[in-house]
Protein backbone atom coordinates (compact mmCIF):
# COMPACT_ATOMS: atom_id res chain seq x y z
CA UNK A 1 56.21 50.59 53.97
CA UNK A 2 54.79 48.21 51.33
CA UNK A 3 52.11 46.90 53.64
CA UNK A 4 50.88 50.41 54.58
CA UNK A 5 50.49 51.10 50.96
CA UNK A 6 48.52 47.83 50.51
CA UNK A 7 46.30 48.60 53.49
CA UNK A 8 45.62 52.16 52.13
CA UNK A 9 44.75 50.69 48.67
CA UNK A 10 42.43 48.12 50.35
CA UNK A 11 40.79 50.59 52.39
CA UNK A 12 40.08 53.01 49.25
CA UNK A 13 38.53 49.91 47.57
CA UNK A 14 36.44 48.88 50.44
CA UNK A 15 35.40 52.36 50.77
CA UNK A 16 34.34 52.49 46.98
CA UNK A 17 32.54 49.27 47.42
CA UNK A 18 30.53 50.80 50.56
CA UNK A 19 29.45 53.98 48.62
CA UNK A 20 28.88 52.29 45.08
CA UNK A 21 26.89 48.79 44.85
CA UNK A 22 25.94 46.98 41.82
CA UNK A 23 22.81 44.89 41.37
CA UNK A 24 21.59 42.79 38.41
CA UNK A 25 18.29 41.41 37.74
CA UNK A 26 17.07 39.60 34.98
CA UNK A 27 13.29 38.95 33.76
CA UNK A 28 11.61 37.14 30.98
CA UNK A 29 7.91 38.21 29.85
CA UNK A 30 6.23 35.71 27.89
CA UNK A 31 2.59 36.75 26.30
CA UNK A 32 0.57 34.68 24.17
CA UNK A 33 -1.15 36.65 21.33
CA UNK A 34 -4.38 36.20 20.19
CA UNK A 35 -3.35 35.17 16.57
CA UNK A 36 -1.43 32.32 18.22
CA UNK A 37 2.08 33.88 18.02
CA UNK A 38 3.94 34.13 21.42
CA UNK A 39 5.90 37.32 22.37
CA UNK A 40 8.86 36.91 24.49
CA UNK A 41 10.90 39.78 26.19
CA UNK A 42 14.37 39.28 27.84
CA UNK A 43 15.25 42.19 30.14
CA UNK A 44 18.64 42.40 31.80
CA UNK A 45 19.16 45.22 34.33
CA UNK A 46 22.16 46.40 36.07
CA UNK A 47 21.94 49.26 38.47
CA UNK A 48 25.18 50.86 39.52
CA UNK A 49 23.93 52.45 42.91
CA UNK A 50 24.68 55.78 43.84
CA UNK A 51 26.57 56.45 40.31
CA UNK A 52 26.05 59.70 38.54
CA UNK A 53 27.01 60.74 34.91
CA UNK A 54 30.26 62.37 34.30
CA UNK A 55 30.40 66.35 34.46
CA UNK A 56 30.64 67.45 31.04
CA UNK A 57 32.73 70.53 32.07
CA UNK A 58 35.63 68.23 32.87
CA UNK A 59 35.69 65.98 29.77
CA UNK A 60 39.13 67.49 28.96
CA UNK A 61 40.42 66.19 32.35
CA UNK A 62 41.29 62.69 32.94
CA UNK A 63 38.53 60.53 34.04
CA UNK A 64 38.45 58.96 37.63
CA UNK A 65 39.15 55.43 37.70
CA UNK A 66 36.12 53.14 37.52
CA UNK A 67 35.71 49.74 39.11
CA UNK A 68 32.98 47.71 38.08
CA UNK A 69 31.88 44.08 38.88
CA UNK A 70 28.81 43.67 37.04
CA UNK A 71 28.38 46.86 35.20
CA UNK A 72 29.48 46.55 31.65
CA UNK A 73 32.82 48.11 31.48
CA UNK A 74 33.02 48.71 27.65
CA UNK A 75 29.61 50.44 27.64
CA UNK A 76 30.53 52.37 30.72
CA UNK A 77 33.76 53.71 29.27
CA UNK A 78 31.92 55.01 26.22
CA UNK A 79 29.12 56.88 28.06
CA UNK A 80 31.84 58.64 30.20
CA UNK A 81 34.08 59.51 27.45
CA UNK A 82 31.15 61.47 25.53
CA UNK A 83 29.24 62.77 28.53
CA UNK A 84 25.96 60.82 27.67
CA UNK A 85 23.43 60.98 30.39
CA UNK A 86 20.82 58.81 28.71
CA UNK A 87 20.89 56.62 25.61
CA UNK A 88 18.58 54.24 23.73
CA UNK A 89 19.86 51.99 20.96
CA UNK A 90 17.52 49.69 19.14
CA UNK A 91 18.12 47.21 16.26
CA UNK A 92 14.96 45.42 14.92
CA UNK A 93 14.18 43.10 12.08
CA UNK A 94 10.57 42.84 10.85
CA UNK A 95 7.34 44.68 11.29
CA UNK A 96 5.50 45.00 14.52
CA UNK A 97 1.62 44.27 14.23
CA UNK A 98 -0.03 46.51 16.76
CA UNK A 99 -3.52 45.41 15.62
CA UNK A 100 -2.88 41.71 16.45
CA UNK A 101 0.14 41.69 18.90
CA UNK A 102 -0.78 45.11 20.85
CA UNK A 103 1.88 47.15 22.55
CA UNK A 104 5.24 45.98 23.18
CA UNK A 105 7.03 45.66 26.47
CA UNK A 106 9.65 47.93 24.89
CA UNK A 107 8.26 50.46 22.82
CA UNK A 108 11.27 50.87 20.64
CA UNK A 109 10.25 48.37 17.87
CA UNK A 110 10.84 50.48 14.60
CA UNK A 111 12.38 48.69 11.78
CA UNK A 112 16.15 49.05 11.59
CA UNK A 113 18.45 50.72 13.81
CA UNK A 114 17.33 53.82 16.07
CA UNK A 115 19.75 55.63 18.27
CA UNK A 116 18.66 58.67 20.39
CA UNK A 117 20.55 60.15 23.31
CA UNK A 118 20.43 63.11 25.67
CA UNK A 119 23.90 64.67 25.80
CA UNK A 120 25.34 67.19 28.41
CA UNK A 121 26.18 70.62 26.87
CA UNK A 122 28.90 72.91 27.98
CA UNK A 123 31.98 70.85 27.33
CA UNK A 124 34.89 72.08 25.08
CA UNK A 125 33.70 69.74 22.41
CA UNK A 126 30.58 70.28 20.89
CA UNK A 127 27.30 68.07 21.29
CA UNK A 128 27.60 67.21 17.63
CA UNK A 129 31.17 66.12 17.92
CA UNK A 130 30.60 63.84 20.73
CA UNK A 131 27.38 62.52 19.10
CA UNK A 132 29.58 61.68 16.20
CA UNK A 133 31.97 59.83 18.72
CA UNK A 134 29.28 57.97 20.34
CA UNK A 135 27.60 56.55 17.38
CA UNK A 136 31.04 55.33 15.79
CA UNK A 137 32.12 53.87 19.31
CA UNK A 138 28.81 51.90 19.64
CA UNK A 139 29.29 50.91 15.67
CA UNK A 140 32.35 49.16 16.85
CA UNK A 141 31.10 47.86 20.18
CA UNK A 142 28.23 46.24 18.55
CA UNK A 143 29.64 45.35 15.16
CA UNK A 144 26.94 47.50 13.18
CA UNK A 145 26.66 50.22 10.73
CA UNK A 146 25.82 52.85 13.33
CA UNK A 147 28.35 55.17 11.48
CA UNK A 148 25.79 55.71 8.75
CA UNK A 149 23.58 57.61 11.39
CA UNK A 150 25.35 61.04 10.18
CA UNK A 151 24.11 64.46 10.10
CA UNK A 152 22.05 63.34 7.09
CA UNK A 153 19.77 61.44 9.35
CA UNK A 154 20.06 63.42 12.72
CA UNK A 155 17.41 65.29 14.30
CA UNK A 156 16.42 66.51 17.49
CA UNK A 157 12.66 65.88 18.07
CA UNK A 158 12.25 66.60 21.81
CA UNK A 159 8.48 66.52 21.64
CA UNK A 160 8.42 62.92 21.23
CA UNK A 161 11.56 61.39 22.80
CA UNK A 162 11.39 62.84 26.39
CA UNK A 163 14.00 61.63 28.90
CA UNK A 164 12.67 58.27 30.49
CA UNK A 165 15.15 58.89 33.46
CA UNK A 166 16.55 62.21 35.30
CA UNK A 167 18.88 64.86 33.85
CA UNK A 168 21.17 66.87 36.10
CA UNK A 169 19.67 70.18 36.58
CA UNK A 170 23.05 71.89 36.69
CA UNK A 171 24.00 70.91 33.15
CA UNK A 172 21.84 71.72 29.94
CA UNK A 173 21.19 68.93 27.85
CA UNK A 174 20.29 68.49 24.13
CA UNK A 175 18.91 65.52 22.25
CA UNK A 176 20.16 63.71 19.16
CA UNK A 177 18.06 61.06 17.45
CA UNK A 178 18.65 59.26 14.17
CA UNK A 179 17.27 56.08 12.48
CA UNK A 180 18.61 53.78 9.60
CA UNK A 181 15.90 51.47 8.39
CA UNK A 182 18.32 49.53 6.28
CA UNK A 183 20.29 48.09 9.30
CA UNK A 184 19.11 44.86 10.92
CA UNK A 185 20.02 42.88 13.81
CA UNK A 186 22.03 39.58 13.27
CA UNK A 187 24.43 37.10 15.00
CA UNK A 188 27.33 39.51 14.88
CA UNK A 189 25.47 42.02 16.90
CA UNK A 190 24.34 39.34 19.42
CA UNK A 191 27.65 38.38 20.42
CA UNK A 192 28.90 41.60 21.72
CA UNK A 193 25.46 42.07 23.30
CA UNK A 194 25.88 38.71 25.25
CA UNK A 195 29.35 39.82 26.38
CA UNK A 196 27.90 42.71 28.42
CA UNK A 197 26.22 40.27 30.75
CA UNK A 198 27.69 39.13 33.99
CA UNK A 199 27.15 35.28 33.26
CA UNK A 200 27.43 35.78 29.61
CA UNK A 201 24.99 32.96 28.10
CA UNK A 202 26.23 30.24 30.35
CA UNK A 203 23.90 30.66 33.24
CA UNK A 204 20.50 32.19 34.04
CA UNK A 205 17.82 33.49 31.69
CA UNK A 206 20.63 34.60 29.26
CA UNK A 207 20.86 30.80 28.52
CA UNK A 208 17.91 31.32 26.21
CA UNK A 209 19.48 33.67 23.93
CA UNK A 210 19.80 30.98 21.16
CA UNK A 211 20.68 32.73 17.95
CA UNK A 212 19.15 29.94 15.79
CA UNK A 213 15.94 30.27 17.33
CA UNK A 214 16.11 34.13 18.08
CA UNK A 215 16.57 34.95 14.52
CA UNK A 216 14.15 32.41 13.08
CA UNK A 217 11.24 34.29 14.79
CA UNK A 218 8.51 36.34 12.76
CA UNK A 219 9.95 39.47 14.69
CA UNK A 220 13.24 40.16 16.70
CA UNK A 221 14.84 43.02 18.21
CA UNK A 222 17.62 43.98 20.52
CA UNK A 223 18.06 47.05 22.77
CA UNK A 224 20.42 48.89 24.85
CA UNK A 225 18.93 51.32 27.38
CA UNK A 226 20.81 53.77 29.48
CA UNK A 227 19.05 55.88 32.18
CA UNK A 228 20.09 57.85 35.26
CA UNK A 229 17.83 57.86 38.24
CA UNK A 230 18.64 60.72 40.60
CA UNK A 231 17.80 58.77 43.87
CA UNK A 232 19.24 55.24 42.64
CA UNK A 233 22.02 55.92 40.08
CA UNK A 234 22.85 54.77 36.77
CA UNK A 235 20.91 51.80 35.06
CA UNK A 236 21.70 49.42 32.16
CA UNK A 237 18.95 47.65 30.64
CA UNK A 238 19.76 45.09 27.95
CA UNK A 239 16.61 43.65 26.15
CA UNK A 240 15.87 41.06 23.33
CA UNK A 241 12.24 40.90 22.09
CA UNK A 242 10.94 38.23 19.64
CA UNK A 243 7.60 37.24 18.14
CA UNK A 244 7.46 33.48 17.53
CA UNK A 245 4.89 31.34 15.81
CA UNK A 246 4.21 27.79 17.18
CA UNK A 247 1.67 27.10 14.43
CA UNK A 248 4.57 27.64 11.86
CA UNK A 249 4.66 23.97 11.34
CA UNK A 250 1.80 22.83 9.13
CA UNK A 251 0.90 19.84 11.27
CA UNK A 252 0.68 22.03 14.46
CA UNK A 253 -3.05 22.30 15.62
CA UNK A 254 -2.36 23.96 18.97
CA UNK A 255 -0.32 27.20 20.06
CA UNK A 256 1.46 25.09 22.62
CA UNK A 257 4.89 26.46 23.66
CA UNK A 258 7.72 25.86 26.10
CA UNK A 259 11.32 26.91 26.56
CA UNK A 260 12.50 24.32 24.44
CA UNK A 261 10.15 25.07 21.56
CA UNK A 262 10.75 28.90 21.61
CA UNK A 263 14.34 28.97 22.35
CA UNK A 264 15.66 25.45 21.87
CA UNK A 265 17.30 25.45 25.39
CA UNK A 266 16.17 25.11 29.12
CA UNK A 267 17.70 27.06 32.01
CA UNK A 268 20.22 24.52 33.28
CA UNK A 269 21.48 26.64 36.31
CA UNK A 270 20.88 30.02 37.86
CA UNK A 271 23.13 32.90 37.45
CA UNK A 272 25.03 33.52 40.72
CA UNK A 273 25.30 37.36 40.09
CA UNK A 274 21.73 37.97 39.78
CA UNK A 275 19.79 39.38 42.67
CA UNK A 276 16.56 38.24 40.94
CA UNK A 277 15.58 35.95 38.08
CA UNK A 278 11.74 36.32 37.13
CA UNK A 279 9.48 34.70 34.56
CA UNK A 280 6.40 36.54 34.04
CA UNK A 281 3.92 34.67 31.89
CA UNK A 282 0.52 36.22 30.75
CA UNK A 283 -2.51 34.12 31.09
CA UNK A 284 -4.97 33.64 28.32
CA UNK A 285 -8.54 34.59 28.91
CA UNK A 286 -10.44 33.08 26.26
CA UNK A 287 -9.36 29.51 26.19
CA UNK A 288 -8.64 26.62 28.65
CA UNK A 289 -4.89 25.75 29.18
CA UNK A 290 -2.29 24.00 31.31
CA UNK A 291 0.80 25.77 32.82
CA UNK A 292 3.68 23.52 33.94
CA UNK A 293 5.46 23.64 36.36
CA UNK A 294 3.36 25.17 39.13
CA UNK A 295 3.99 28.99 39.21
CA UNK A 296 5.46 30.60 42.36
CA UNK A 297 2.91 33.28 42.38
CA UNK A 298 -0.47 33.61 40.30
CA UNK A 299 -3.01 36.10 39.90
CA UNK A 300 -5.90 36.30 37.63
CA UNK A 301 -4.17 37.10 34.33
CA UNK A 302 -0.40 36.78 35.20
CA UNK A 303 1.80 34.07 36.60
CA UNK A 304 5.24 34.53 38.16
CA UNK A 305 8.14 32.12 38.32
CA UNK A 306 11.13 32.39 40.49
CA UNK A 307 13.92 30.80 38.58
CA UNK A 308 16.78 30.82 41.29
CA UNK A 309 15.38 28.27 43.78
CA UNK A 310 13.35 26.36 41.29
CA UNK A 311 14.72 22.73 40.47
CA UNK A 312 16.90 22.51 37.35
CA UNK A 313 16.70 22.21 34.49
CA UNK A 314 13.59 24.83 34.13
CA UNK A 315 11.36 24.28 31.17
CA UNK A 316 8.02 26.29 31.63
CA UNK A 317 5.36 25.11 29.03
CA UNK A 318 1.92 26.03 28.26
CA UNK A 319 -0.48 23.74 26.54
CA UNK A 320 -3.97 24.22 25.27
CA UNK A 321 -6.79 22.21 25.52
CA UNK A 322 -8.99 22.95 22.15
CA UNK A 323 -7.31 23.24 18.86
CA UNK A 324 -6.41 26.81 17.51
CA UNK A 325 -9.05 28.33 15.34
CA UNK A 326 -7.71 31.32 13.36
CA UNK A 327 -11.09 32.05 11.85
CA UNK A 328 -12.59 32.75 15.55
CA UNK A 329 -14.54 36.10 14.66
CA UNK A 330 -14.27 37.38 18.39
CA UNK A 331 -10.52 36.64 18.49
CA UNK A 332 -9.59 39.00 15.58
CA UNK A 333 -12.59 41.24 15.50
CA UNK A 334 -11.23 44.21 17.42
CA UNK A 335 -7.75 45.46 17.26
CA UNK A 336 -5.34 45.27 20.34
CA UNK A 337 -4.64 48.91 20.67
CA UNK A 338 -7.07 51.79 20.72
CA UNK A 339 -5.37 53.31 17.90
CA UNK A 340 -4.58 51.89 14.33
CA UNK A 341 -2.11 53.61 11.86
CA UNK A 342 -1.48 52.83 8.25
CA UNK A 343 1.05 54.79 6.49
CA UNK A 344 1.48 54.80 2.64
CA UNK A 345 3.52 56.61 -0.15
CA UNK A 346 1.62 56.78 -3.52
CA UNK A 347 4.05 57.66 -6.25
CA UNK A 348 2.64 59.18 -9.43
CA UNK A 349 6.21 59.45 -10.94
CA UNK A 350 9.74 59.37 -10.21
CA UNK A 351 9.77 62.87 -9.19
CA UNK A 352 6.30 63.38 -7.03
CA UNK A 353 4.25 61.61 -4.84
CA UNK A 354 1.79 61.64 -1.99
CA UNK A 355 2.34 60.71 1.69
CA UNK A 356 -0.89 59.31 3.39
CA UNK A 357 -1.38 58.55 6.93
CA UNK A 358 -4.64 56.87 8.02
CA UNK A 359 -5.57 56.91 11.89
CA UNK A 360 -8.54 54.84 13.20
CA UNK A 361 -9.88 55.67 16.90
CA UNK A 362 -11.65 52.51 18.14
CA UNK A 363 -12.36 54.15 21.50
CA UNK A 364 -15.64 55.99 22.46
CA UNK A 365 -13.60 58.98 23.47
CA UNK A 366 -11.11 61.40 21.31
CA UNK A 367 -7.46 60.60 21.27
CA UNK A 368 -4.97 63.30 20.90
CA UNK A 369 -1.49 62.19 19.38
CA UNK A 370 1.69 63.67 18.10
CA UNK A 371 2.52 62.53 14.50
CA UNK A 372 6.36 62.88 13.79
CA UNK A 373 7.98 62.52 10.50
CA UNK A 374 11.81 62.69 10.22
CA UNK A 375 12.49 62.36 6.41
CA UNK A 376 15.87 62.38 4.74
CA UNK A 377 16.40 65.21 2.35
CA UNK A 378 15.68 62.95 -0.80
CA UNK A 379 11.90 63.27 -0.11
CA UNK A 380 10.59 66.88 0.68
CA UNK A 381 7.31 67.93 1.78
CA UNK A 382 4.86 70.36 -0.04
CA UNK A 383 3.56 71.58 3.36
CA UNK A 384 0.77 73.79 1.65
CA UNK A 385 -0.77 70.64 0.29
CA UNK A 386 -1.37 69.21 4.07
CA UNK A 387 -4.94 68.15 4.20
CA UNK A 388 -7.03 66.19 6.63
CA UNK A 389 -10.54 64.23 6.09
CA UNK A 390 -12.63 62.61 8.88
CA UNK A 391 -14.71 59.75 7.69
CA UNK A 392 -14.38 61.08 3.95
CA UNK A 393 -15.15 64.68 4.86
CA UNK A 394 -12.90 67.66 5.27
CA UNK A 395 -11.63 68.34 8.78
CA UNK A 396 -10.00 71.41 9.42
CA UNK A 397 -9.79 70.96 13.44
CA UNK A 398 -7.32 68.14 13.06
CA UNK A 399 -4.08 70.12 13.23
CA UNK A 400 -2.54 72.02 16.09
CA UNK A 401 0.83 72.92 17.31
CA UNK A 402 2.57 72.34 13.95
CA UNK A 403 6.30 72.50 13.56
CA UNK A 404 8.37 71.82 10.31
CA UNK A 405 12.04 72.07 9.87
CA UNK A 406 12.75 71.88 6.17
CA UNK A 407 15.45 69.70 4.70
CA UNK A 408 18.84 71.16 3.46
CA UNK A 409 20.07 68.97 0.40
CA UNK A 410 22.98 66.77 1.32
CA UNK A 411 23.09 68.33 4.73
CA UNK A 412 20.14 68.09 7.04
CA UNK A 413 16.69 65.87 6.98
CA UNK A 414 13.27 67.45 7.41
CA UNK A 415 11.53 67.18 10.71
CA UNK A 416 7.61 67.51 10.79
CA UNK A 417 5.45 67.10 13.94
CA UNK A 418 1.87 68.03 14.56
CA UNK A 419 -0.43 67.63 17.10
CA UNK A 420 -3.68 65.44 15.88
CA UNK A 421 -7.23 65.47 17.33
CA UNK A 422 -8.92 62.07 16.32
CA UNK A 423 -12.65 62.14 17.37
CA UNK A 424 -13.98 59.02 18.92
CA UNK A 425 -15.09 55.93 16.67
CA UNK A 426 -13.61 57.68 13.63
CA UNK A 427 -11.06 57.54 10.86
CA UNK A 428 -8.70 60.40 10.27
CA UNK A 429 -6.75 60.76 6.95
CA UNK A 430 -3.93 62.85 6.61
CA UNK A 431 -2.38 63.46 3.15
CA UNK A 432 0.60 65.66 2.00
CA UNK A 433 2.29 66.04 -1.59
CA UNK A 434 5.97 65.29 -1.71
CA UNK A 435 8.78 65.75 -4.34
CA UNK A 436 11.71 63.24 -4.79
CA UNK A 437 15.18 64.56 -5.47
CA UNK A 438 17.55 63.71 -8.21
CA UNK A 439 20.44 62.38 -6.94
CA UNK A 440 23.99 62.39 -8.26
CA UNK A 441 25.17 59.20 -9.76
CA UNK A 442 27.78 58.76 -6.77
CA UNK A 443 25.09 59.10 -4.01
CA UNK A 444 22.89 55.87 -5.15
CA UNK A 445 23.40 52.74 -3.00
CA UNK A 446 24.68 49.68 -4.65
CA UNK A 447 21.12 48.21 -5.12
CA UNK A 448 19.89 51.39 -6.49
CA UNK A 449 17.17 49.69 -8.70
CA UNK A 450 15.55 48.43 -5.51
CA UNK A 451 14.97 51.88 -4.05
CA UNK A 452 15.45 53.82 -0.79
CA UNK A 453 14.25 52.69 2.52
CA UNK A 454 12.48 55.71 4.45
CA UNK A 455 12.29 55.70 8.32
CA UNK A 456 9.18 54.84 10.07
CA UNK A 457 6.72 57.71 11.36
CA UNK A 458 6.21 57.80 15.27
CA UNK A 459 2.74 58.34 16.63
CA UNK A 460 2.96 59.35 20.33
CA UNK A 461 -0.66 59.28 21.95
CA UNK A 462 -0.99 61.80 24.48
CA UNK A 463 -4.14 60.67 26.59
CA UNK A 464 -3.65 57.01 26.48
CA UNK A 465 -1.39 54.86 28.89
CA UNK A 466 0.86 53.83 26.00
CA UNK A 467 4.12 54.79 24.41
CA UNK A 468 5.39 55.42 21.02
CA UNK A 469 3.88 53.66 17.95
CA UNK A 470 6.03 53.08 14.85
CA UNK A 471 4.66 52.58 11.30
CA UNK A 472 6.39 50.36 8.99
CA UNK A 473 9.17 51.82 6.66
CA UNK A 474 8.32 52.92 3.23
CA UNK A 475 10.30 52.22 -0.01
CA UNK A 476 10.63 55.06 -2.32
CA UNK A 477 11.48 54.93 -5.97
CA UNK A 478 13.90 57.56 -7.13
CA UNK A 479 14.96 58.54 -10.79
CA UNK A 480 17.88 55.96 -11.31
CA UNK A 481 20.45 56.37 -14.15
CA UNK A 482 21.34 53.49 -16.27
CA UNK A 483 24.00 51.91 -14.20
CA UNK A 484 24.68 49.29 -16.82
CA UNK A 485 26.27 51.78 -19.35
CA UNK A 486 29.22 52.48 -17.20
CA UNK A 487 30.15 49.03 -16.90
CA UNK A 488 29.54 48.43 -20.74
CA UNK A 489 32.16 51.18 -21.31
CA UNK A 490 34.47 49.88 -18.62
CA UNK A 491 34.41 46.36 -20.21
CA UNK A 492 34.90 47.61 -23.77
CA UNK A 493 37.78 49.78 -22.73
CA UNK A 494 39.58 47.19 -20.72
CA UNK A 495 38.98 44.76 -23.66
CA UNK A 496 40.59 47.05 -26.07
CA UNK A 497 43.24 47.86 -23.87
CA UNK A 498 44.06 44.29 -23.07
CA UNK A 499 44.06 43.55 -26.84
CA UNK A 500 46.57 46.33 -27.61
CA UNK A 501 48.87 46.02 -24.60
CA UNK A 502 48.94 42.20 -25.21
CA UNK A 503 50.02 42.79 -28.85
CA UNK A 504 52.48 45.43 -27.91
CA UNK A 505 53.94 43.42 -25.01
CA UNK A 506 54.11 40.33 -27.30
CA UNK A 507 56.24 42.03 -29.93
CA UNK A 508 58.68 43.57 -27.27
CA UNK A 509 59.33 40.24 -25.43
CA UNK A 510 59.27 37.95 -28.36
CA UNK A 511 62.74 36.53 -29.38
CA UNK A 512 62.93 36.35 -33.39
CA UNK A 513 65.18 33.84 -35.09
CA UNK A 514 65.77 32.75 -38.50
CA UNK A 515 64.34 29.57 -39.33
CA UNK A 516 65.43 27.51 -42.46
CA UNK A 517 62.72 26.08 -44.53
CA UNK A 518 64.93 23.80 -46.93
CA UNK A 519 64.97 20.08 -46.13
CA UNK A 520 68.00 18.52 -44.67
CA UNK A 521 70.17 16.35 -47.09
CA UNK A 522 69.38 12.61 -46.67
CA UNK A 523 72.62 10.31 -46.14
CA UNK A 524 73.58 7.74 -49.00
CA UNK A 525 73.68 4.17 -48.49
CA UNK A 526 76.50 2.22 -50.02
CA UNK A 527 75.92 -0.87 -51.77
CA UNK A 528 78.14 -3.86 -51.89
């Protein structure tokens, strides 16, 4: 009887393995930049073949048992618990410089934390309730403050955040998006990130995840992306991007780099769970160089290395022949992106200000782009003051398809998006007056005098082969009460209470005795 049951279980497991297969691929993309820095992107992709998202209409029932070998179980349980079909989480520190660095491999480079997900509708629990559970579960998984992405920061800008994978046609889906510019990535976020990998950081390209070097970069960011492809299955892509500066050392004259200099490590052994392990290096076109070792495959501007059959340890390096010339006009003359964006907040007082966005089109053809602002309720727009100027002259044809959802104080942020038309080789300036709220003293952060961080704006070009562009965050100065006064009152009151209590306690607990002040009689000495 026992043998028959074991045979049945073995047959069921074998059938599951036959129907659902798991594949793990890892890739490192290294791109030398024109300002001497080096951009690196580590991507770890796990594909759960023939899998599909959980039916949200059956969330109240017990879920089927999930048997994963390579797929991260902790993340898979969260996705199935809350009926999430697609999810994107990024934690970044620093400001991405599009003009000098170009477009990143992974588009989500906004400063701070950003989380957006497509969640199936139709369950007994609402989408907002499951969105709350999702962000709290991810906060616990990655040791971050994602719980702060509450309804005060949540929006649904479907025009910009389109699904990157497939969505089941049988179930309607809703988008939830939130960002927290004050949250940054650090070692306590990287540790659970590494635990989701099959080989952890002991083999393969994950060996290069050295926190001492990653967090010392000029810019660094981590991402978790979950997609569903109808013909393939569920895909989880874990990414880590950095921008390192080989010229940071004042003695460095060349932008030479290697695995040892960028990550402080070499690839000692291959990950046995990886189906492929590829390193892609972009080759510079304006300077002679030497690439070592010999690449597995090379084209005009890209070289590929297959890490698995290569002799270990692997330390790919690139050395340049001439010294780096930072003043070379041809190197820095033209920006690396067709569109440049600059966003500022001009504050005339602690109650009013003006938001300004300047977009420069460097191409010989017009560009259309969606401009999105998701502003917390503490800064509200005066929509009637929206104006546009083209090269200093009024330009009324700049706006179309404008949509504005006003903020609700203490409840909902404002969402503003508009389609902008930017003529060829021109500069478009968009301005709008804003008003700043007067907060309760309990709503100020501990560092209230520093100000409030505002999330970045997003520019999504429509007729370019590029993805979203994020502007730097802004710092707004709000009217702040004198927080020193409560502390002064507390200190004075505590001192007075301590003085009174100390005296009363001393009187109640002291033992009073009578002490004689007369001198004791001295003994007489008899003389012989």
